């Protein structure tokens, strides 16, 4: 009889552990606090805010939309780093890319 009682207890404990594991799988672990998530939602809901992925480093950039548009217009006008192409060079670049091992 004692073995049956121990086995029954073991089975009950095992079932409880399985239930806990199943419940934990559906739990979302946030990397932001509740206040931080609320702030991000507030920023996202405003029309004056742009939230974008940064070009490098996996960062996120939060900008006022006017600043975002000004920066988008400023970069192509930077003739040191950018040059206006005479025509559509995409086919030429695509062909050259195919030749690179």
N, C-alpha and C. Protein backbone atom coordinates (compact mmCIF):
# COMPACT_ATOMS: atom_id res chain seq x y z
N UNK A 1 0.81 -1.20 0.00
CA UNK A 1 0.00 0.00 0.00
C UNK A 1 0.85 1.26 0.00
N UNK A 2 1.95 1.23 0.73
CA UNK A 2 2.78 2.42 0.83
C UNK A 2 3.36 2.80 -0.53
N UNK A 3 3.76 1.83 -1.34
CA UNK A 3 4.29 2.10 -2.67
C UNK A 3 3.25 2.77 -3.56
N UNK A 4 1.99 2.32 -3.44
CA UNK A 4 0.93 2.93 -4.24
C UNK A 4 0.72 4.39 -3.84
N UNK A 5 0.80 4.68 -2.55
CA UNK A 5 0.63 6.05 -2.07
C UNK A 5 1.77 6.94 -2.57
N UNK A 6 2.99 6.43 -2.52
CA UNK A 6 4.14 7.19 -3.02
C UNK A 6 4.04 7.41 -4.53
N UNK A 7 3.64 6.38 -5.23
CA UNK A 7 3.49 6.50 -6.68
C UNK A 7 2.41 7.51 -7.02
N UNK A 8 1.29 7.46 -6.30
CA UNK A 8 0.21 8.42 -6.52
C UNK A 8 0.66 9.85 -6.25
N UNK A 9 1.45 10.03 -5.17
CA UNK A 9 1.98 11.35 -4.84
C UNK A 9 2.93 11.83 -5.95
N UNK A 10 3.78 10.93 -6.42
CA UNK A 10 4.71 11.27 -7.49
C UNK A 10 3.95 11.68 -8.76
N UNK A 11 2.92 10.95 -9.10
CA UNK A 11 2.12 11.26 -10.30
C UNK A 11 1.45 12.62 -10.14
N UNK A 12 0.90 12.89 -8.96
CA UNK A 12 0.26 14.20 -8.72
C UNK A 12 1.28 15.34 -8.86
N UNK A 13 2.45 15.16 -8.28
CA UNK A 13 3.50 16.19 -8.38
C UNK A 13 3.94 16.39 -9.83
N UNK A 14 4.06 15.29 -10.56
CA UNK A 14 4.47 15.36 -11.95
C UNK A 14 3.42 16.11 -12.78
N UNK A 15 2.15 15.80 -12.55
CA UNK A 15 1.07 16.50 -13.27
C UNK A 15 1.09 17.99 -12.96
N UNK A 16 1.31 18.33 -11.69
CA UNK A 16 1.35 19.74 -11.30
C UNK A 16 2.51 20.46 -11.99
N UNK A 17 3.65 19.79 -12.07
CA UNK A 17 4.82 20.38 -12.74
C UNK A 17 4.53 20.59 -14.23
N UNK A 18 3.89 19.63 -14.86
CA UNK A 18 3.53 19.76 -16.28
C UNK A 18 2.58 20.94 -16.46
N UNK A 19 1.59 21.07 -15.59
CA UNK A 19 0.66 22.19 -15.68
C UNK A 19 1.39 23.52 -15.55
N UNK A 20 2.33 23.62 -14.62
CA UNK A 20 3.10 24.85 -14.44
C UNK A 20 3.94 25.15 -15.67
N UNK A 21 4.58 24.14 -16.23
CA UNK A 21 5.40 24.33 -17.43
C UNK A 21 4.55 24.79 -18.60
N UNK A 22 3.38 24.23 -18.75
CA UNK A 22 2.48 24.61 -19.83
C UNK A 22 2.04 26.06 -19.68
N UNK A 23 1.71 26.47 -18.47
CA UNK A 23 1.30 27.85 -18.23
C UNK A 23 2.45 28.82 -18.48
N UNK A 24 3.67 28.44 -18.10
CA UNK A 24 4.81 29.32 -18.27
C UNK A 24 5.18 29.53 -19.74
N UNK A 25 4.84 28.60 -20.61
CA UNK A 25 5.15 28.74 -22.03
C UNK A 25 4.39 29.90 -22.66
N UNK A 26 3.22 30.20 -22.13
CA UNK A 26 2.39 31.25 -22.71
C UNK A 26 2.66 32.61 -22.08
N UNK A 27 3.52 32.66 -21.09
CA UNK A 27 3.83 33.91 -20.42
C UNK A 27 4.86 34.68 -21.24
N UNK A 28 4.60 35.94 -21.50
CA UNK A 28 5.51 36.78 -22.27
C UNK A 28 6.44 37.50 -21.31
N UNK A 29 7.73 37.40 -21.55
CA UNK A 29 8.71 38.10 -20.73
C UNK A 29 9.08 39.39 -21.47
N UNK A 30 8.70 40.52 -20.90
CA UNK A 30 8.99 41.82 -21.52
C UNK A 30 10.38 42.30 -21.12
N UNK A 31 11.04 42.98 -22.03
CA UNK A 31 12.33 43.58 -21.70
C UNK A 31 12.17 45.04 -21.31
N UNK A 32 10.93 45.51 -21.24
CA UNK A 32 10.62 46.87 -20.80
C UNK A 32 9.68 46.80 -19.61
N UNK A 33 9.80 47.78 -18.74
CA UNK A 33 8.86 47.84 -17.62
C UNK A 33 7.50 48.28 -18.14
N UNK A 34 6.49 48.17 -17.31
CA UNK A 34 5.14 48.60 -17.71
C UNK A 34 5.14 50.08 -18.08
N UNK A 35 5.83 50.90 -17.29
CA UNK A 35 5.90 52.34 -17.57
C UNK A 35 6.59 52.60 -18.91
N UNK A 36 7.66 51.85 -19.20
CA UNK A 36 8.36 52.03 -20.47
C UNK A 36 7.49 51.60 -21.65
N UNK A 37 6.76 50.49 -21.51
CA UNK A 37 5.85 50.05 -22.58
C UNK A 37 4.76 51.09 -22.80
N UNK A 38 4.24 51.66 -21.73
CA UNK A 38 3.21 52.70 -21.85
C UNK A 38 3.78 53.92 -22.58
N UNK A 39 5.01 54.30 -22.25
CA UNK A 39 5.64 55.45 -22.92
C UNK A 39 5.82 55.19 -24.41
N UNK A 40 6.27 53.99 -24.77
CA UNK A 40 6.45 53.65 -26.19
C UNK A 40 5.11 53.69 -26.92
N UNK A 41 4.07 53.14 -26.31
CA UNK A 41 2.74 53.18 -26.94
C UNK A 41 2.28 54.62 -27.12
N UNK A 42 2.57 55.47 -26.14
CA UNK A 42 2.20 56.88 -26.24
C UNK A 42 2.94 57.55 -27.39
N UNK A 43 4.24 57.26 -27.52
CA UNK A 43 5.02 57.82 -28.62
C UNK A 43 4.49 57.35 -29.96
N UNK A 44 4.18 56.05 -30.05
CA UNK A 44 3.71 55.48 -31.31
C UNK A 44 2.38 56.07 -31.74
N UNK A 45 1.56 56.46 -30.79
CA UNK A 45 0.22 56.95 -31.12
C UNK A 45 0.23 58.41 -31.55
N UNK A 46 1.33 59.10 -31.36
CA UNK A 46 1.41 60.51 -31.74
C UNK A 46 1.86 60.63 -33.19
N UNK A 47 1.19 61.49 -33.94
CA UNK A 47 1.53 61.68 -35.35
C UNK A 47 2.86 62.41 -35.54
N UNK A 48 3.33 63.08 -34.50
CA UNK A 48 4.56 63.88 -34.63
C UNK A 48 5.82 63.07 -34.35
N UNK A 49 5.68 61.77 -34.09
CA UNK A 49 6.84 60.97 -33.70
C UNK A 49 7.09 59.86 -34.72
N UNK A 50 8.36 59.71 -35.10
CA UNK A 50 8.78 58.62 -35.98
C UNK A 50 9.67 57.68 -35.18
N UNK A 51 9.32 56.39 -35.16
CA UNK A 51 10.13 55.37 -34.48
C UNK A 51 10.63 54.43 -35.56
N UNK A 52 11.95 54.42 -35.75
CA UNK A 52 12.57 53.65 -36.83
C UNK A 52 13.75 52.84 -36.31
N UNK A 53 14.10 51.79 -37.02
CA UNK A 53 15.32 51.04 -36.72
C UNK A 53 16.51 51.85 -37.21
N UNK A 54 17.57 51.86 -36.43
CA UNK A 54 18.79 52.56 -36.84
C UNK A 54 19.45 51.79 -37.98
N UNK A 55 20.25 52.48 -38.77
CA UNK A 55 20.94 51.84 -39.88
C UNK A 55 21.90 50.76 -39.40
N UNK A 56 22.54 51.00 -38.27
CA UNK A 56 23.56 50.07 -37.77
C UNK A 56 23.39 49.86 -36.28
N UNK A 57 23.81 48.71 -35.81
CA UNK A 57 23.88 48.46 -34.38
C UNK A 57 22.61 47.94 -33.74
N UNK A 58 21.54 47.79 -34.48
CA UNK A 58 20.31 47.25 -33.92
C UNK A 58 19.60 48.19 -32.97
N UNK A 59 19.93 49.46 -32.98
CA UNK A 59 19.30 50.44 -32.09
C UNK A 59 17.97 50.92 -32.68
N UNK A 60 17.21 51.61 -31.87
CA UNK A 60 15.96 52.21 -32.31
C UNK A 60 16.09 53.71 -32.16
N UNK A 61 15.64 54.44 -33.17
CA UNK A 61 15.72 55.89 -33.17
C UNK A 61 14.31 56.46 -33.05
N UNK A 62 14.15 57.39 -32.12
CA UNK A 62 12.86 58.08 -31.95
C UNK A 62 13.09 59.54 -32.30
N UNK A 63 12.41 60.01 -33.33
CA UNK A 63 12.59 61.38 -33.80
C UNK A 63 11.25 62.09 -33.93
N UNK A 64 11.30 63.38 -33.76
CA UNK A 64 10.18 64.23 -34.12
C UNK A 64 10.04 64.13 -35.64
N UNK A 65 8.83 64.03 -36.16
CA UNK A 65 8.64 63.84 -37.61
C UNK A 65 9.27 64.94 -38.43
N UNK A 66 9.21 66.18 -37.94
CA UNK A 66 9.85 67.28 -38.69
C UNK A 66 11.35 67.05 -38.79
N UNK A 67 11.97 66.61 -37.69
CA UNK A 67 13.41 66.32 -37.70
C UNK A 67 13.71 65.15 -38.64
N UNK A 68 12.83 64.15 -38.66
CA UNK A 68 13.01 62.98 -39.52
C UNK A 68 12.98 63.40 -40.99
N UNK A 69 12.02 64.22 -41.36
CA UNK A 69 11.90 64.68 -42.75
C UNK A 69 13.10 65.56 -43.11
N UNK A 70 13.50 66.45 -42.20
CA UNK A 70 14.66 67.30 -42.47
C UNK A 70 15.92 66.47 -42.69
N UNK A 71 16.11 65.43 -41.87
CA UNK A 71 17.29 64.56 -42.02
C UNK A 71 17.22 63.78 -43.33
N UNK A 72 16.02 63.32 -43.69
CA UNK A 72 15.86 62.59 -44.96
C UNK A 72 16.17 63.49 -46.15
N UNK A 73 15.87 64.76 -46.05
CA UNK A 73 16.19 65.70 -47.13
C UNK A 73 17.65 66.13 -47.10
N UNK A 74 18.25 66.18 -45.92
CA UNK A 74 19.62 66.65 -45.79
C UNK A 74 20.62 65.64 -46.36
N UNK A 75 20.41 64.38 -46.10
CA UNK A 75 21.41 63.39 -46.49
C UNK A 75 21.69 63.36 -47.99
N UNK A 76 20.68 63.31 -48.86
CA UNK A 76 21.00 63.31 -50.31
C UNK A 76 21.63 64.61 -50.79
N UNK A 77 21.41 65.71 -50.08
CA UNK A 77 22.01 66.97 -50.51
C UNK A 77 23.47 67.08 -50.06
N UNK A 78 23.96 66.09 -49.33
CA UNK A 78 25.35 66.04 -48.89
C UNK A 78 26.19 65.52 -50.06
N UNK A 79 26.78 66.42 -50.82
CA UNK A 79 27.52 66.03 -52.03
C UNK A 79 28.87 65.40 -51.72
N UNK A 80 29.31 65.47 -50.48
CA UNK A 80 30.55 64.80 -50.10
C UNK A 80 30.37 63.29 -50.09
N UNK A 81 29.22 62.84 -49.60
CA UNK A 81 28.97 61.40 -49.46
C UNK A 81 28.04 60.83 -50.52
N UNK A 82 27.29 61.67 -51.19
CA UNK A 82 26.31 61.20 -52.17
C UNK A 82 26.54 61.89 -53.51
N UNK A 83 26.22 61.16 -54.59
CA UNK A 83 26.37 61.72 -55.93
C UNK A 83 25.12 61.36 -56.72
N UNK A 84 24.55 62.32 -57.40
CA UNK A 84 23.36 62.06 -58.22
C UNK A 84 23.78 61.31 -59.48
N UNK A 85 23.06 60.25 -59.77
CA UNK A 85 23.35 59.45 -60.95
C UNK A 85 22.63 60.03 -62.16
N UNK A 86 23.27 59.92 -63.33
CA UNK A 86 22.67 60.45 -64.55
C UNK A 86 21.47 59.64 -65.01
N UNK A 87 21.53 58.33 -64.79
CA UNK A 87 20.45 57.46 -65.25
C UNK A 87 20.27 56.31 -64.26
N UNK A 88 19.41 55.40 -64.60
CA UNK A 88 19.14 54.25 -63.75
C UNK A 88 20.30 53.26 -63.89
N UNK A 89 21.13 53.18 -62.88
CA UNK A 89 22.31 52.32 -62.92
C UNK A 89 22.09 50.97 -62.26
N UNK A 90 20.88 50.68 -61.83
CA UNK A 90 20.61 49.43 -61.13
C UNK A 90 20.96 48.21 -61.99
N UNK A 91 20.57 48.15 -63.28
CA UNK A 91 20.96 46.97 -64.08
C UNK A 91 22.48 46.78 -64.15
N UNK A 92 23.21 47.87 -64.27
CA UNK A 92 24.67 47.79 -64.34
C UNK A 92 25.24 47.27 -63.01
N UNK A 93 24.75 47.80 -61.89
CA UNK A 93 25.22 47.35 -60.58
C UNK A 93 24.86 45.89 -60.34
N UNK A 94 23.68 45.49 -60.78
CA UNK A 94 23.25 44.10 -60.62
C UNK A 94 24.17 43.17 -61.39
N UNK A 95 24.54 43.55 -62.60
CA UNK A 95 25.44 42.74 -63.42
C UNK A 95 26.81 42.63 -62.77
N UNK A 96 27.33 43.76 -62.25
CA UNK A 96 28.64 43.74 -61.60
C UNK A 96 28.60 42.88 -60.34
N UNK A 97 27.50 42.93 -59.63
CA UNK A 97 27.37 42.14 -58.40
C UNK A 97 27.44 40.65 -58.72
N UNK A 98 26.86 40.24 -59.84
CA UNK A 98 26.88 38.83 -60.24
C UNK A 98 28.31 38.36 -60.53
N UNK A 99 29.19 39.27 -60.94
CA UNK A 99 30.56 38.91 -61.27
C UNK A 99 31.45 38.78 -60.03
N UNK A 100 31.02 39.35 -58.92
CA UNK A 100 31.81 39.30 -57.68
C UNK A 100 31.61 37.94 -57.02
N UNK A 101 32.71 37.24 -56.71
CA UNK A 101 32.57 35.90 -56.10
C UNK A 101 32.07 35.97 -54.67
